[in-house]
């Protein structure tokens, strides 16, 4: 049994390091393949049901993005690593990290589930969601292995107190009392992910509804993209000019 666990850990560790390094390239490819080679589930005879199914998925994705912003506004962990490898210069255990060791990945998983719910095809449910669950679990194992080596007993104690994913919100009010929400940091650090989340909603929504209402769906998405691009340019300008610098 012990050898089986060790082998499993190695699989997750090597997979996690791979996904961590190439996630910015590999993850979008998975969605492109989904859109290119599968058809969405369209309730063509029930337009209202089709509309609400799409809205429901979009709300799940937006809730994931909103949760990311909430987490970042109270405490931030740099997830980009160093030279494509897992890296951390200090251990963050405050804010939402006092209640879940990986709250940002909870947000990411919600975004993935929301996008797949919008598309609604069986490959999205049976292949894409399990793939991302495996990928994020693998990345988490790789990060935990690094953190255990670097921070030792400090991380092991943290690991015993706080769940890996599922948040325990008991005492959350006390955990956040020492913080003031830094919305500037939240926008500055996550505007790229905001762009990606909303862009995904627009692309999936437009492509799905193309099968139902035709080219009008593409036109509507085009207006959404115009506003989204303006948002991205504005935030990038404010960031570069220092106007989104933290106030505290």
Protein backbone atom coordinates (compact mmCIF):
# COMPACT_ATOMS: atom_id res chain seq x y z
CA UNK A 1 0.00 0.00 0.00
CA UNK A 2 2.84 2.30 0.89
CA UNK A 3 4.55 1.73 -2.48
CA UNK A 4 1.25 2.44 -4.26
CA UNK A 5 0.91 5.75 -2.42
CA UNK A 6 4.50 6.67 -3.21
CA UNK A 7 4.00 5.92 -6.90
CA UNK A 8 0.77 7.97 -6.92
CA UNK A 9 2.53 10.88 -5.24
CA UNK A 10 5.25 10.77 -7.89
CA UNK A 11 2.65 10.82 -10.66
CA UNK A 12 0.98 13.88 -9.15
CA UNK A 13 4.32 15.57 -8.47
CA UNK A 14 5.71 15.16 -12.00
CA UNK A 15 2.35 16.03 -13.56
CA UNK A 16 2.05 19.06 -11.31
CA UNK A 17 5.46 20.43 -12.30
CA UNK A 18 4.58 19.91 -15.96
CA UNK A 19 1.18 21.60 -15.69
CA UNK A 20 2.61 24.44 -13.60
CA UNK A 21 5.20 25.21 -16.25
CA UNK A 22 3.00 24.93 -19.33
CA UNK A 23 -0.48 25.79 -17.99
CA UNK A 24 -0.67 29.14 -19.77
CA UNK A 25 -0.27 27.37 -23.11
CA UNK A 26 -1.85 23.98 -22.48
CA UNK A 27 -5.07 25.02 -20.72
CA UNK A 28 -6.31 27.33 -23.53
CA UNK A 29 -5.57 24.56 -26.06
CA UNK A 30 -7.93 22.22 -24.19
CA UNK A 31 -10.79 24.71 -24.61
CA UNK A 32 -9.99 25.37 -28.25
CA UNK A 33 -10.18 21.63 -28.88
CA UNK A 34 -13.49 21.46 -27.02
CA UNK A 35 -15.02 24.25 -29.11
CA UNK A 36 -13.55 22.96 -32.36
CA UNK A 37 -14.47 19.29 -32.10
CA UNK A 38 -17.65 19.15 -30.01
CA UNK A 39 -21.06 20.73 -30.34
CA UNK A 40 -22.80 22.49 -27.46
CA UNK A 41 -26.01 21.23 -25.99
CA UNK A 42 -28.70 23.50 -27.42
CA UNK A 43 -32.31 23.29 -26.31
CA UNK A 44 -33.52 24.39 -29.72
CA UNK A 45 -37.16 23.69 -28.96
CA UNK A 46 -36.99 25.55 -25.64
CA UNK A 47 -35.28 28.93 -26.11
CA UNK A 48 -35.96 30.00 -22.54
CA UNK A 49 -34.30 26.88 -21.15
CA UNK A 50 -31.35 27.41 -23.50
CA UNK A 51 -30.99 31.00 -22.27
CA UNK A 52 -31.10 30.15 -18.57
CA UNK A 53 -28.73 27.20 -18.95
CA UNK A 54 -26.19 29.58 -20.51
CA UNK A 55 -26.78 32.23 -17.84
CA UNK A 56 -26.40 29.66 -15.07
CA UNK A 57 -22.99 28.58 -16.36
CA UNK A 58 -21.87 32.18 -16.78
CA UNK A 59 -22.85 32.98 -13.19
CA UNK A 60 -20.80 30.06 -11.90
CA UNK A 61 -17.77 31.28 -13.85
CA UNK A 62 -18.25 34.85 -12.63
CA UNK A 63 -18.62 33.65 -9.04
CA UNK A 64 -15.24 31.93 -9.39
CA UNK A 65 -13.67 35.14 -10.67
CA UNK A 66 -15.34 37.18 -7.92
CA UNK A 67 -13.95 34.78 -5.31
CA UNK A 68 -10.45 35.20 -6.75
CA UNK A 69 -10.77 38.97 -6.43
CA UNK A 70 -12.02 38.62 -2.87
CA UNK A 71 -9.04 36.45 -1.92
CA UNK A 72 -6.44 38.69 -3.59
CA UNK A 73 -7.86 41.82 -1.97
CA UNK A 74 -7.07 40.44 1.48
CA UNK A 75 -3.89 38.43 0.88
CA UNK A 76 -1.90 37.71 -2.25
CA UNK A 77 0.32 34.78 -3.24
CA UNK A 78 2.35 35.03 -6.42
CA UNK A 79 1.48 31.94 -8.46
CA UNK A 80 3.72 32.58 -11.44
CA UNK A 81 6.70 30.80 -9.92
CA UNK A 82 10.27 31.47 -10.95
CA UNK A 83 11.56 30.48 -14.40
CA UNK A 84 8.58 28.17 -14.88
CA UNK A 85 9.10 26.41 -11.55
CA UNK A 86 7.21 26.51 -8.27
CA UNK A 87 8.61 29.25 -6.02
CA UNK A 88 7.64 31.15 -2.88
CA UNK A 89 9.69 33.63 -0.87
CA UNK A 90 7.37 33.49 2.16
CA UNK A 91 4.45 31.46 3.47
CA UNK A 92 1.05 33.16 3.41
CA UNK A 93 -1.33 31.85 6.07
CA UNK A 94 -3.52 34.90 6.67
CA UNK A 95 -6.79 36.15 5.19
CA UNK A 96 -8.65 33.46 3.27
CA UNK A 97 -5.50 31.34 3.41
CA UNK A 98 -6.28 30.76 7.09
CA UNK A 99 -9.37 28.81 5.94
CA UNK A 100 -8.22 27.13 2.71
CA UNK A 101 -4.67 26.46 1.59
CA UNK A 102 -5.62 26.97 -2.09
CA UNK A 103 -8.56 29.41 -2.31
CA UNK A 104 -7.43 30.75 -5.69
CA UNK A 105 -7.70 27.30 -7.22
CA UNK A 106 -11.25 27.05 -5.91
CA UNK A 107 -11.99 30.15 -7.97
CA UNK A 108 -10.27 28.64 -11.01
CA UNK A 109 -12.22 25.40 -10.74
CA UNK A 110 -15.50 27.31 -10.51
CA UNK A 111 -14.56 29.20 -13.68
CA UNK A 112 -13.84 25.91 -15.47
CA UNK A 113 -17.12 24.37 -14.29
CA UNK A 114 -19.02 27.49 -15.33
CA UNK A 115 -17.57 27.49 -18.83
CA UNK A 116 -18.32 23.79 -19.25
CA UNK A 117 -21.86 24.24 -17.92
CA UNK A 118 -22.39 26.96 -20.53
CA UNK A 119 -21.21 24.65 -23.33
CA UNK A 120 -23.19 21.76 -21.90
CA UNK A 121 -21.75 18.93 -24.00
CA UNK A 122 -20.93 15.53 -22.53
CA UNK A 123 -17.20 15.81 -23.44
CA UNK A 124 -17.11 19.02 -21.39
CA UNK A 125 -18.46 17.19 -18.34
CA UNK A 126 -16.69 13.85 -18.79
CA UNK A 127 -13.31 14.99 -20.14
CA UNK A 128 -12.62 18.69 -19.62
CA UNK A 129 -13.76 19.08 -15.99
CA UNK A 130 -11.94 15.90 -14.83
CA UNK A 131 -8.82 17.02 -16.73
CA UNK A 132 -8.73 20.37 -14.94
CA UNK A 133 -9.48 18.79 -11.56
CA UNK A 134 -6.52 16.46 -12.08
CA UNK A 135 -4.32 19.31 -13.33
CA UNK A 136 -5.04 21.60 -10.37
CA UNK A 137 -4.66 18.75 -7.87
CA UNK A 138 -1.31 17.87 -9.46
CA UNK A 139 -0.14 21.48 -9.33
CA UNK A 140 -1.20 21.65 -5.69
CA UNK A 141 0.82 18.52 -4.85
CA UNK A 142 3.88 20.00 -6.59
CA UNK A 143 3.50 23.27 -4.68
CA UNK A 144 3.00 21.50 -1.36
CA UNK A 145 6.10 19.38 -1.92
CA UNK A 146 8.12 22.54 -2.52
CA UNK A 147 6.63 24.34 0.49
CA UNK A 148 7.30 21.40 2.82
CA UNK A 149 10.95 21.35 1.77
CA UNK A 150 11.39 25.10 2.13
CA UNK A 151 9.34 25.88 5.24
CA UNK A 152 9.44 22.51 7.02
CA UNK A 153 7.60 22.38 10.34
CA UNK A 154 5.97 25.75 9.72
CA UNK A 155 4.17 24.43 6.66
CA UNK A 156 3.42 21.04 8.23
CA UNK A 157 1.66 22.79 11.10
CA UNK A 158 -0.29 24.93 8.62
CA UNK A 159 -1.20 21.79 6.66
CA UNK A 160 -2.65 20.16 9.76
CA UNK A 161 -4.78 23.18 10.64
CA UNK A 162 -6.19 24.16 7.23
CA UNK A 163 -7.91 22.11 4.51
CA UNK A 164 -6.24 21.76 1.14
CA UNK A 165 -9.25 23.06 -0.81
CA UNK A 166 -12.59 22.98 0.95
CA UNK A 167 -12.78 26.20 2.99
CA UNK A 168 -13.74 26.15 6.66
CA UNK A 169 -15.32 29.55 7.18
CA UNK A 170 -15.43 29.27 10.94
CA UNK A 171 -13.72 32.35 12.34
CA UNK A 172 -13.48 34.06 8.93
CA UNK A 173 -14.58 37.37 10.40
CA UNK A 174 -11.75 37.36 12.91
CA UNK A 175 -9.27 36.37 10.18
CA UNK A 176 -10.18 39.41 8.08
CA UNK A 177 -10.43 41.95 10.89
CA UNK A 178 -6.78 42.95 10.60
CA UNK A 179 -7.12 43.70 6.89
CA UNK A 180 -8.67 46.44 4.80
CA UNK A 181 -9.78 45.21 1.40
CA UNK A 182 -7.26 46.38 -1.23
CA UNK A 183 -9.36 46.61 -4.39
CA UNK A 184 -6.51 48.27 -6.28
CA UNK A 185 -4.28 45.25 -5.74
CA UNK A 186 -7.11 42.87 -6.65
CA UNK A 187 -7.67 44.61 -10.00
CA UNK A 188 -3.96 45.17 -10.63
CA UNK A 189 -3.02 41.56 -10.01
CA UNK A 190 -6.00 39.83 -11.62
CA UNK A 191 -7.15 42.00 -14.51
CA UNK A 192 -5.66 39.51 -16.96
CA UNK A 193 -7.70 36.70 -15.44
CA UNK A 194 -10.82 38.91 -15.43
CA UNK A 195 -10.27 39.43 -19.16
CA UNK A 196 -9.84 35.69 -19.74
CA UNK A 197 -12.91 34.72 -17.69
CA UNK A 198 -15.24 37.19 -19.39
CA UNK A 199 -13.73 36.48 -22.82
CA UNK A 200 -14.40 32.78 -22.27
CA UNK A 201 -18.00 33.54 -21.37
CA UNK A 202 -18.42 35.66 -24.49
CA UNK A 203 -16.80 33.14 -26.84
CA UNK A 204 -18.68 30.13 -25.47
CA UNK A 205 -21.96 32.04 -25.33
CA UNK A 206 -21.59 33.36 -28.87
CA UNK A 207 -20.51 30.04 -30.37
CA UNK A 208 -23.25 28.14 -28.55
CA UNK A 209 -26.00 30.57 -29.50
CA UNK A 210 -24.75 30.70 -33.09
CA UNK A 211 -26.36 27.28 -33.47
CA UNK A 212 -29.62 28.77 -32.20
CA UNK A 213 -29.96 32.38 -33.38
CA UNK A 214 -27.25 32.54 -36.06
CA UNK A 215 -24.88 35.44 -36.77
CA UNK A 216 -26.71 37.78 -34.40
CA UNK A 217 -25.01 35.96 -31.52
CA UNK A 218 -21.59 36.82 -32.97
CA UNK A 219 -22.54 40.48 -33.30
CA UNK A 220 -23.70 40.68 -29.70
CA UNK A 221 -20.46 39.10 -28.49
CA UNK A 222 -18.54 41.62 -30.57
CA UNK A 223 -19.99 44.50 -28.55
CA UNK A 224 -19.06 42.69 -25.37
CA UNK A 225 -15.50 42.18 -26.58
CA UNK A 226 -15.18 45.86 -27.47
CA UNK A 227 -16.04 46.83 -23.90
CA UNK A 228 -13.77 44.12 -22.50
CA UNK A 229 -10.80 45.31 -24.56
CA UNK A 230 -11.38 48.88 -23.41
CA UNK A 231 -11.41 47.64 -19.81
CA UNK A 232 -8.12 45.81 -20.32
CA UNK A 233 -6.42 48.82 -21.94
CA UNK A 234 -7.67 51.18 -19.22
CA UNK A 235 -6.54 48.96 -16.35
CA UNK A 236 -3.15 48.38 -17.97
CA UNK A 237 -2.70 52.14 -18.38
CA UNK A 238 -3.67 52.79 -14.75
CA UNK A 239 -1.30 50.04 -13.61
CA UNK A 240 1.66 51.31 -15.65
CA UNK A 241 1.03 54.90 -14.51
CA UNK A 242 0.97 53.83 -10.86
CA UNK A 243 -2.64 54.82 -10.27
CA UNK A 244 -3.50 51.31 -9.10
CA UNK A 245 -0.76 51.21 -6.50
CA UNK A 246 -1.94 50.02 -3.10
CA UNK A 247 -3.02 52.80 -0.77
CA UNK A 248 -1.67 51.07 2.34
